[in-house]
Structures are given as structure tokens and as C-alpha cells.
Amino acid sequence: MVLSLNIQPLTKDAFAPFGDVIEVDGAEIMNINQGTTQRFHNLADVQTLDGGHTLINVFRGQPRLQPIGICLMEHHPLGSQAFVPLQLAPYLVVVAKPGDAPLAQDLVAFQAEADQGVNYHAGVWHHPLLVLQENHDFLVVDRGGPGDNLVEHWFHEDQSPTATLL
């Protein structure tokens, strides 16, 4: 199956069904540290459910061959997962709303700009990292602790969409 995904700009309104866009535009700003620092307050809703705790990690992504074969989607039922780029480079996000395993037609693609992060809410289906440059690092905030917080959905080979990102 060949699926053409139109890549949308990543905006807070468009991404709201899936989570939060992490960016300073429109944020509440506080001056702290004797006025030497601006705090862009409450940019994402970090969720750690069922006795979990917050983890901070660095993920280093590598580009995939085009066209990208979307063979799996994943979600985290016990907590959110945030990705904040550490390099000034855009990247791609493919998501589907929470619920049953997604079908190819449920997928939505976004292009995140270099100054935007994403926070997938608990249960939101998403593709693993889709970077456009080598060694693209992300600060990742997610849930650790007891319980299985990773569910993968592999598309059957004859149903696996090959995404041509337009």
C-alpha cells in the first residue's frame, strides 16, 4: 500500500489532539533569578501515571531512507513522551489519535521546525523518530517506573503504508 501523507506545519491547534507543541511563542513569561533569566512557563503537560516517575534522556536519531516505510506505530499508555531538539534542524512527526491500533488512513504528518518540540500525550500513537539530518539529538522527557509503558503496533506487510512525505 502506498500512502501519501501531506506534511502540515506543526501548530499548537493542529497538534492539540495528539499532545503539546513545545515552543516559546505564546508562553507565559516570568522573569526569575534577579531578572537575569526569562522562564517560559508550563510548555507541556508531563504525564506520569500509575506510580511512575519522570525520566530525562537524550535520543540521537539518524535519517531513514526515502520513501519512509511506516511499518510500526507506538504509544505509551502510562505517560507522556516529550521530544525537544538539541540541534537547529527540522524533523518530521507522524501521529494518530489514541484508541485502537491505527489504520494507515488515521496517520497525520507534521513538519516540526528547529525551535519546536512535541509532547505526545499518554496513549497517542506516534512513529519513532523521523529526523532529516545525521546525529540529530533530542532531550526526551518520559515516564519510568513499574508497568509496561510501550505498546507497538506493526502493520501487516500487505497493509504497511509506504509514506511519501509531500
N, C-alpha and C. Protein backbone atom coordinates (compact mmCIF):
# COMPACT_ATOMS: atom_id res chain seq x y z
N MET A 1 0.85 -1.17 0.00
CA MET A 1 0.00 0.00 0.00
C MET A 1 0.89 1.23 0.00
N VAL A 2 0.60 2.19 -0.84
CA VAL A 2 1.34 3.44 -0.87
C VAL A 2 0.43 4.54 -0.34
N LEU A 3 0.90 5.23 0.64
CA LEU A 3 0.14 6.30 1.28
C LEU A 3 0.92 7.59 1.12
N SER A 4 0.29 8.60 0.59
CA SER A 4 0.93 9.92 0.51
C SER A 4 0.43 10.74 1.67
N LEU A 5 1.34 11.15 2.53
CA LEU A 5 0.98 11.98 3.67
C LEU A 5 1.36 13.42 3.37
N ASN A 6 0.40 14.30 3.39
CA ASN A 6 0.68 15.72 3.24
C ASN A 6 1.22 16.22 4.57
N ILE A 7 2.41 16.76 4.54
CA ILE A 7 3.03 17.25 5.77
C ILE A 7 2.49 18.63 6.07
N GLN A 8 1.89 18.76 7.25
CA GLN A 8 1.34 20.02 7.70
C GLN A 8 2.37 20.76 8.55
N PRO A 9 2.27 22.08 8.60
CA PRO A 9 3.09 22.80 9.57
C PRO A 9 2.65 22.40 10.99
N LEU A 10 3.59 22.32 11.88
CA LEU A 10 3.28 21.98 13.26
C LEU A 10 2.80 23.23 13.99
N THR A 11 1.53 23.26 14.35
CA THR A 11 0.96 24.36 15.12
C THR A 11 0.29 23.78 16.36
N LYS A 12 0.13 24.62 17.39
CA LYS A 12 -0.49 24.16 18.62
C LYS A 12 -1.91 23.66 18.38
N ASP A 13 -2.68 24.38 17.57
CA ASP A 13 -4.07 23.96 17.31
C ASP A 13 -4.14 22.65 16.54
N ALA A 14 -3.33 22.50 15.50
CA ALA A 14 -3.38 21.29 14.68
C ALA A 14 -2.91 20.06 15.46
N PHE A 15 -1.96 20.24 16.38
CA PHE A 15 -1.38 19.13 17.11
C PHE A 15 -2.12 18.82 18.42
N ALA A 16 -3.05 19.68 18.83
CA ALA A 16 -3.75 19.53 20.12
C ALA A 16 -4.36 18.15 20.35
N PRO A 17 -4.94 17.45 19.33
CA PRO A 17 -5.49 16.12 19.61
C PRO A 17 -4.43 15.08 20.00
N PHE A 18 -3.15 15.40 19.77
CA PHE A 18 -2.08 14.43 19.99
C PHE A 18 -1.19 14.78 21.18
N GLY A 19 -1.16 16.06 21.57
CA GLY A 19 -0.29 16.49 22.65
C GLY A 19 -0.02 17.97 22.59
N ASP A 20 1.17 18.35 23.02
CA ASP A 20 1.56 19.75 23.11
C ASP A 20 2.72 20.06 22.17
N VAL A 21 2.70 21.26 21.57
CA VAL A 21 3.87 21.77 20.85
C VAL A 21 4.69 22.54 21.89
N ILE A 22 5.95 22.23 22.00
CA ILE A 22 6.82 22.88 22.97
C ILE A 22 7.58 23.99 22.24
N GLU A 23 7.17 25.22 22.49
CA GLU A 23 7.82 26.39 21.89
C GLU A 23 7.54 27.59 22.77
N VAL A 24 8.35 28.62 22.62
CA VAL A 24 8.20 29.78 23.47
C VAL A 24 7.12 30.74 22.98
N ASP A 25 6.76 30.70 21.71
CA ASP A 25 5.71 31.58 21.20
C ASP A 25 4.42 31.37 21.96
N GLY A 26 3.87 32.45 22.51
CA GLY A 26 2.61 32.40 23.23
C GLY A 26 2.71 31.91 24.66
N ALA A 27 3.90 31.63 25.16
CA ALA A 27 4.06 31.12 26.52
C ALA A 27 3.94 32.24 27.54
N GLU A 28 3.54 31.86 28.75
CA GLU A 28 3.60 32.78 29.88
C GLU A 28 5.08 32.99 30.22
N ILE A 29 5.48 34.24 30.35
CA ILE A 29 6.89 34.56 30.60
C ILE A 29 7.03 35.15 31.99
N MET A 30 8.00 34.65 32.73
CA MET A 30 8.31 35.16 34.07
C MET A 30 9.78 35.54 34.10
N ASN A 31 10.09 36.63 34.73
CA ASN A 31 11.49 36.99 34.97
C ASN A 31 11.89 36.40 36.32
N ILE A 32 12.99 35.64 36.33
CA ILE A 32 13.46 34.99 37.54
C ILE A 32 14.96 35.24 37.70
N ASN A 33 15.53 34.72 38.76
CA ASN A 33 16.97 34.83 39.03
C ASN A 33 17.43 36.28 39.00
N GLN A 34 16.78 37.08 39.80
CA GLN A 34 17.08 38.50 39.92
C GLN A 34 17.01 39.22 38.57
N GLY A 35 16.09 38.79 37.73
CA GLY A 35 15.87 39.44 36.45
C GLY A 35 16.86 39.07 35.35
N THR A 36 17.71 38.07 35.59
CA THR A 36 18.70 37.69 34.59
C THR A 36 18.25 36.56 33.67
N THR A 37 17.08 35.98 33.97
CA THR A 37 16.61 34.82 33.22
C THR A 37 15.12 34.97 32.94
N GLN A 38 14.71 34.60 31.73
CA GLN A 38 13.30 34.51 31.41
C GLN A 38 12.88 33.05 31.46
N ARG A 39 11.80 32.79 32.17
CA ARG A 39 11.23 31.45 32.24
C ARG A 39 9.99 31.43 31.37
N PHE A 40 9.98 30.55 30.36
CA PHE A 40 8.81 30.31 29.52
C PHE A 40 8.07 29.16 30.18
N HIS A 41 6.99 29.50 30.85
CA HIS A 41 6.38 28.65 31.87
C HIS A 41 5.36 27.66 31.29
N ASN A 42 5.39 26.44 31.81
CA ASN A 42 4.37 25.42 31.60
C ASN A 42 4.13 25.12 30.11
N LEU A 43 5.16 24.70 29.41
CA LEU A 43 5.09 24.47 27.97
C LEU A 43 4.47 23.13 27.59
N ALA A 44 4.40 22.18 28.51
CA ALA A 44 3.82 20.87 28.19
C ALA A 44 3.31 20.22 29.46
N ASP A 45 2.35 19.33 29.29
CA ASP A 45 1.75 18.58 30.39
C ASP A 45 2.45 17.23 30.48
N VAL A 46 3.46 17.14 31.35
CA VAL A 46 4.19 15.88 31.53
C VAL A 46 3.31 14.94 32.35
N GLN A 47 3.03 13.77 31.80
CA GLN A 47 2.13 12.82 32.44
C GLN A 47 2.92 11.58 32.88
N THR A 48 2.86 11.27 34.17
CA THR A 48 3.43 10.03 34.70
C THR A 48 2.33 9.37 35.52
N LEU A 49 1.69 8.36 34.94
CA LEU A 49 0.53 7.71 35.54
C LEU A 49 0.93 6.44 36.26
N ASP A 50 0.08 5.98 37.16
CA ASP A 50 0.22 4.69 37.85
C ASP A 50 1.56 4.49 38.53
N GLY A 51 1.97 5.45 39.36
CA GLY A 51 3.17 5.27 40.18
C GLY A 51 4.48 5.45 39.45
N GLY A 52 4.47 6.05 38.28
CA GLY A 52 5.71 6.25 37.53
C GLY A 52 6.49 7.46 38.03
N HIS A 53 7.64 7.67 37.43
CA HIS A 53 8.46 8.84 37.72
C HIS A 53 8.99 9.40 36.40
N THR A 54 9.42 10.64 36.44
CA THR A 54 9.87 11.32 35.23
C THR A 54 11.33 10.98 34.94
N LEU A 55 11.60 10.67 33.66
CA LEU A 55 12.95 10.41 33.17
C LEU A 55 13.36 11.52 32.21
N ILE A 56 14.63 11.86 32.20
CA ILE A 56 15.18 12.77 31.18
C ILE A 56 16.28 11.99 30.47
N ASN A 57 16.18 11.91 29.14
CA ASN A 57 17.11 11.14 28.32
C ASN A 57 17.56 12.00 27.13
N VAL A 58 18.58 11.56 26.44
CA VAL A 58 18.95 12.10 25.14
C VAL A 58 18.84 10.96 24.14
N PHE A 59 18.08 11.20 23.05
CA PHE A 59 17.99 10.25 21.94
C PHE A 59 18.76 10.86 20.78
N ARG A 60 19.52 10.06 20.06
CA ARG A 60 20.26 10.51 18.87
C ARG A 60 19.68 9.78 17.66
N GLY A 61 19.01 10.52 16.77
CA GLY A 61 18.34 9.93 15.62
C GLY A 61 19.17 10.00 14.35
N GLN A 62 18.90 9.06 13.44
CA GLN A 62 19.52 9.02 12.12
C GLN A 62 18.42 9.06 11.07
N PRO A 63 18.68 9.69 9.92
CA PRO A 63 17.65 9.74 8.87
C PRO A 63 17.33 8.35 8.33
N ARG A 64 16.10 8.19 7.88
CA ARG A 64 15.65 6.94 7.25
C ARG A 64 15.67 7.14 5.75
N LEU A 65 15.77 6.03 5.00
CA LEU A 65 15.73 6.10 3.55
C LEU A 65 14.34 6.53 3.09
N GLN A 66 14.29 7.34 2.04
CA GLN A 66 13.01 7.78 1.46
C GLN A 66 12.67 6.85 0.30
N PRO A 67 11.42 6.53 0.03
CA PRO A 67 10.29 6.89 0.88
C PRO A 67 10.31 6.08 2.16
N ILE A 68 9.78 6.66 3.20
CA ILE A 68 9.80 6.02 4.51
C ILE A 68 8.71 4.96 4.58
N GLY A 69 9.10 3.75 4.92
CA GLY A 69 8.11 2.69 5.14
C GLY A 69 7.60 2.78 6.56
N ILE A 70 6.34 3.08 6.71
CA ILE A 70 5.73 3.18 8.04
C ILE A 70 5.28 1.77 8.41
N CYS A 71 6.15 1.02 9.07
CA CYS A 71 5.82 -0.36 9.39
C CYS A 71 5.32 -0.51 10.82
N LEU A 72 5.51 0.50 11.65
CA LEU A 72 5.01 0.41 13.01
C LEU A 72 4.68 1.78 13.56
N MET A 73 3.78 1.77 14.51
CA MET A 73 3.47 2.94 15.33
C MET A 73 3.55 2.45 16.77
N GLU A 74 3.78 3.37 17.69
CA GLU A 74 3.87 3.00 19.09
C GLU A 74 3.12 4.02 19.94
N HIS A 75 2.79 3.62 21.15
CA HIS A 75 2.25 4.57 22.11
C HIS A 75 2.65 4.16 23.52
N HIS A 76 2.47 5.11 24.44
CA HIS A 76 2.87 4.93 25.82
C HIS A 76 1.63 5.16 26.69
N PRO A 77 1.00 4.08 27.18
CA PRO A 77 -0.26 4.22 27.90
C PRO A 77 -0.13 4.80 29.30
N LEU A 78 1.06 4.80 29.87
CA LEU A 78 1.23 5.21 31.26
C LEU A 78 1.90 6.57 31.42
N GLY A 79 2.10 7.29 30.33
CA GLY A 79 2.71 8.61 30.48
C GLY A 79 2.97 9.26 29.14
N SER A 80 3.21 10.55 29.21
CA SER A 80 3.53 11.32 28.01
C SER A 80 4.98 11.07 27.61
N GLN A 81 5.34 11.55 26.42
CA GLN A 81 6.73 11.47 25.95
C GLN A 81 7.01 12.73 25.16
N ALA A 82 7.97 13.52 25.64
CA ALA A 82 8.32 14.80 25.01
C ALA A 82 9.67 14.70 24.32
N PHE A 83 9.76 15.34 23.13
CA PHE A 83 10.99 15.41 22.34
C PHE A 83 11.31 16.87 22.09
N VAL A 84 12.47 17.33 22.54
CA VAL A 84 12.91 18.70 22.33
C VAL A 84 14.24 18.63 21.57
N PRO A 85 14.29 19.16 20.33
CA PRO A 85 15.52 19.06 19.55
C PRO A 85 16.65 19.86 20.18
N LEU A 86 17.85 19.30 20.10
CA LEU A 86 19.03 19.98 20.62
C LEU A 86 19.89 20.58 19.50
N GLN A 87 19.51 20.35 18.25
CA GLN A 87 20.17 20.97 17.10
C GLN A 87 19.13 21.80 16.35
N LEU A 88 19.61 22.78 15.62
CA LEU A 88 18.72 23.64 14.84
C LEU A 88 18.47 23.00 13.49
N ALA A 89 17.55 22.03 13.48
CA ALA A 89 17.18 21.34 12.24
C ALA A 89 15.74 20.88 12.36
N PRO A 90 14.96 21.00 11.28
CA PRO A 90 13.60 20.49 11.31
C PRO A 90 13.59 18.96 11.34
N TYR A 91 12.45 18.42 11.69
CA TYR A 91 12.25 16.97 11.71
C TYR A 91 10.78 16.69 11.44
N LEU A 92 10.43 15.43 11.28
CA LEU A 92 9.06 15.05 10.94
C LEU A 92 8.40 14.30 12.09
N VAL A 93 7.08 14.41 12.18
CA VAL A 93 6.28 13.76 13.20
C VAL A 93 5.11 13.08 12.51
N VAL A 94 4.89 11.80 12.76
CA VAL A 94 3.71 11.09 12.25
C VAL A 94 2.96 10.55 13.45
N VAL A 95 1.67 10.88 13.54
CA VAL A 95 0.86 10.54 14.71
C VAL A 95 -0.51 10.01 14.30
N ALA A 96 -1.18 9.41 15.27
CA ALA A 96 -2.59 9.03 15.15
C ALA A 96 -3.20 9.16 16.54
N LYS A 97 -4.50 9.42 16.56
CA LYS A 97 -5.19 9.64 17.84
C LYS A 97 -5.17 8.38 18.70
N PRO A 98 -5.31 8.55 20.03
CA PRO A 98 -5.36 7.40 20.93
C PRO A 98 -6.54 6.49 20.60
N GLY A 99 -6.44 5.27 21.03
CA GLY A 99 -7.51 4.31 20.83
C GLY A 99 -6.95 3.02 20.28
N ASP A 100 -7.79 2.31 19.53
CA ASP A 100 -7.35 1.06 18.91
C ASP A 100 -6.17 1.32 17.98
N ALA A 101 -5.48 0.24 17.63
CA ALA A 101 -4.33 0.35 16.72
C ALA A 101 -4.74 1.13 15.47
N PRO A 102 -3.91 2.07 15.03
CA PRO A 102 -4.30 2.92 13.90
C PRO A 102 -4.26 2.18 12.57
N LEU A 103 -5.07 2.66 11.66
CA LEU A 103 -5.03 2.24 10.27
C LEU A 103 -4.22 3.26 9.50
N ALA A 104 -3.79 2.92 8.30
CA ALA A 104 -2.97 3.83 7.50
C ALA A 104 -3.66 5.18 7.31
N GLN A 105 -4.97 5.17 7.09
CA GLN A 105 -5.68 6.42 6.84
C GLN A 105 -5.82 7.28 8.09
N ASP A 106 -5.45 6.77 9.27
CA ASP A 106 -5.51 7.53 10.52
C ASP A 106 -4.26 8.38 10.74
N LEU A 107 -3.22 8.16 9.95
CA LEU A 107 -1.95 8.82 10.19
C LEU A 107 -1.98 10.28 9.75
N VAL A 108 -1.34 11.14 10.55
CA VAL A 108 -1.21 12.56 10.26
C VAL A 108 0.27 12.91 10.36
N ALA A 109 0.79 13.66 9.39
CA ALA A 109 2.22 14.02 9.38
C ALA A 109 2.38 15.53 9.57
N PHE A 110 3.40 15.90 10.35
CA PHE A 110 3.74 17.29 10.60
C PHE A 110 5.23 17.50 10.37
N GLN A 111 5.59 18.70 9.96
CA GLN A 111 6.99 19.10 9.97
C GLN A 111 7.20 20.04 11.14
N ALA A 112 8.04 19.62 12.07
CA ALA A 112 8.41 20.45 13.21
C ALA A 112 9.61 21.29 12.83
N GLU A 113 9.57 22.54 13.16
CA GLU A 113 10.70 23.42 12.92
C GLU A 113 11.75 23.20 14.00
N ALA A 114 12.93 23.73 13.79
CA ALA A 114 14.05 23.50 14.69
C ALA A 114 13.81 24.02 16.10
N ASP A 115 12.93 25.00 16.24
CA ASP A 115 12.67 25.58 17.57
C ASP A 115 11.39 25.04 18.20
N GLN A 116 10.89 23.90 17.70
CA GLN A 116 9.67 23.30 18.24
C GLN A 116 9.95 21.89 18.74
N GLY A 117 9.42 21.58 19.90
CA GLY A 117 9.42 20.23 20.41
C GLY A 117 8.00 19.72 20.41
N VAL A 118 7.83 18.44 20.67
CA VAL A 118 6.49 17.86 20.79
C VAL A 118 6.41 17.05 22.08
N ASN A 119 5.22 17.03 22.66
CA ASN A 119 4.93 16.21 23.82
C ASN A 119 3.72 15.37 23.47
N TYR A 120 3.95 14.07 23.22
CA TYR A 120 2.85 13.16 22.91
C TYR A 120 2.14 12.83 24.21
N HIS A 121 0.83 13.08 24.26
CA HIS A 121 0.07 12.72 25.45
C HIS A 121 0.01 11.19 25.58
N ALA A 122 -0.24 10.74 26.80
CA ALA A 122 -0.36 9.30 27.06
C ALA A 122 -1.37 8.69 26.09
N GLY A 123 -0.98 7.59 25.45
CA GLY A 123 -1.88 6.86 24.56
C GLY A 123 -1.87 7.31 23.11
N VAL A 124 -1.22 8.42 22.78
CA VAL A 124 -1.19 8.89 21.39
C VAL A 124 -0.22 8.01 20.59
N TRP A 125 -0.70 7.50 19.46
CA TRP A 125 0.15 6.70 18.56
C TRP A 125 1.12 7.63 17.85
N HIS A 126 2.37 7.22 17.76
CA HIS A 126 3.37 8.02 17.02
C HIS A 126 4.43 7.09 16.43
N HIS A 127 5.02 7.59 15.37
CA HIS A 127 6.13 6.86 14.75
C HIS A 127 7.40 7.17 15.53
N PRO A 128 8.34 6.24 15.61
CA PRO A 128 9.64 6.57 16.19
C PRO A 128 10.29 7.74 15.44
N LEU A 129 11.34 8.29 16.00
CA LEU A 129 12.00 9.48 15.46
C LEU A 129 12.14 9.47 13.94
N LEU A 130 11.81 10.60 13.33
CA LEU A 130 11.96 10.80 11.88
C LEU A 130 12.78 12.07 11.67
N VAL A 131 14.09 11.92 11.69
CA VAL A 131 14.98 13.07 11.55
C VAL A 131 15.46 13.21 10.12
N LEU A 132 15.90 14.40 9.80
CA LEU A 132 16.33 14.71 8.43
C LEU A 132 17.83 14.93 8.33
N GLN A 133 18.53 14.94 9.44
CA GLN A 133 19.98 15.09 9.43
C GLN A 133 20.60 14.03 10.34
N GLU A 134 21.86 13.70 10.07
CA GLU A 134 22.55 12.69 10.87
C GLU A 134 22.79 13.20 12.29
N ASN A 135 22.78 12.27 13.24
CA ASN A 135 23.11 12.55 14.63
C ASN A 135 22.29 13.70 15.21
N HIS A 136 20.98 13.65 14.97
CA HIS A 136 20.09 14.68 15.48
C HIS A 136 19.67 14.30 16.90
N ASP A 137 20.15 15.08 17.87
CA ASP A 137 19.89 14.80 19.28
C ASP A 137 18.62 15.48 19.77
N PHE A 138 17.93 14.79 20.69
CA PHE A 138 16.72 15.29 21.33
C PHE A 138 16.82 15.06 22.83
N LEU A 139 16.40 16.05 23.59
CA LEU A 139 16.16 15.85 25.01
C LEU A 139 14.77 15.21 25.10
N VAL A 140 14.68 14.06 25.76
CA VAL A 140 13.41 13.31 25.83
C VAL A 140 13.00 13.21 27.30
N VAL A 141 11.77 13.61 27.57
CA VAL A 141 11.20 13.51 28.91
C VAL A 141 10.05 12.51 28.82
N ASP A 142 10.16 11.42 29.58
CA ASP A 142 9.09 10.44 29.57
C ASP A 142 8.99 9.75 30.92
N ARG A 143 8.19 8.70 30.97
CA ARG A 143 7.87 8.03 32.22
C ARG A 143 8.72 6.78 32.41
N GLY A 144 9.28 6.65 33.60
CA GLY A 144 9.92 5.43 34.02
C GLY A 144 9.13 4.83 35.17
N GLY A 145 9.54 3.67 35.61
CA GLY A 145 8.86 3.05 36.75
C GLY A 145 8.16 1.76 36.37
N PRO A 146 7.34 1.25 37.29
CA PRO A 146 6.69 -0.04 37.06
C PRO A 146 5.65 0.04 35.95
N GLY A 147 5.40 -1.11 35.35
CA GLY A 147 4.38 -1.21 34.31
C GLY A 147 4.98 -1.17 32.92
N ASP A 148 4.21 -1.68 31.97
CA ASP A 148 4.64 -1.72 30.57
C ASP A 148 4.14 -0.45 29.89
N ASN A 149 5.05 0.48 29.61
CA ASN A 149 4.67 1.77 29.03
C ASN A 149 5.00 1.86 27.56
N LEU A 150 5.13 0.76 26.87
CA LEU A 150 5.36 0.77 25.43
C LEU A 150 4.47 -0.28 24.78
N VAL A 151 3.65 0.19 23.84
CA VAL A 151 2.83 -0.71 23.03
C VAL A 151 3.17 -0.42 21.58
N GLU A 152 3.56 -1.45 20.85
CA GLU A 152 3.88 -1.29 19.43
C GLU A 152 2.79 -1.92 18.58
N HIS A 153 2.48 -1.26 17.48
CA HIS A 153 1.55 -1.83 16.50
C HIS A 153 2.32 -1.94 15.19
N TRP A 154 2.54 -3.17 14.74
CA TRP A 154 3.20 -3.43 13.47
C TRP A 154 2.13 -3.64 12.42
N PHE A 155 2.22 -2.90 11.33
CA PHE A 155 1.30 -3.10 10.22
C PHE A 155 1.63 -4.43 9.55
N HIS A 156 0.61 -5.18 9.14
CA HIS A 156 0.85 -6.39 8.35
C HIS A 156 1.55 -5.97 7.07
N GLU A 157 2.43 -6.83 6.58
CA GLU A 157 3.25 -6.46 5.41
C GLU A 157 2.41 -5.94 4.25
N ASP A 158 1.25 -6.55 3.99
CA ASP A 158 0.43 -6.12 2.87
C ASP A 158 -0.37 -4.85 3.20
N GLN A 159 -0.37 -4.44 4.47
CA GLN A 159 -1.09 -3.23 4.87
C GLN A 159 -0.13 -2.12 5.30
N SER A 160 1.16 -2.38 5.28
CA SER A 160 2.15 -1.41 5.74
C SER A 160 2.25 -0.26 4.73
N PRO A 161 1.86 0.92 5.15
CA PRO A 161 1.92 2.05 4.21
C PRO A 161 3.35 2.48 3.98
N THR A 162 3.67 2.79 2.75
CA THR A 162 4.92 3.46 2.43
C THR A 162 4.58 4.92 2.31
N ALA A 163 5.10 5.70 3.21
CA ALA A 163 4.71 7.11 3.25
C ALA A 163 5.64 7.92 2.35
N THR A 164 5.05 8.54 1.37
CA THR A 164 5.76 9.55 0.60
C THR A 164 5.37 10.87 1.21
N LEU A 165 6.33 11.52 1.81
CA LEU A 165 6.04 12.73 2.57
C LEU A 165 6.12 13.91 1.62
N LEU A 166 4.98 14.58 1.40
CA LEU A 166 4.86 15.66 0.42
C LEU A 166 4.94 17.01 1.09
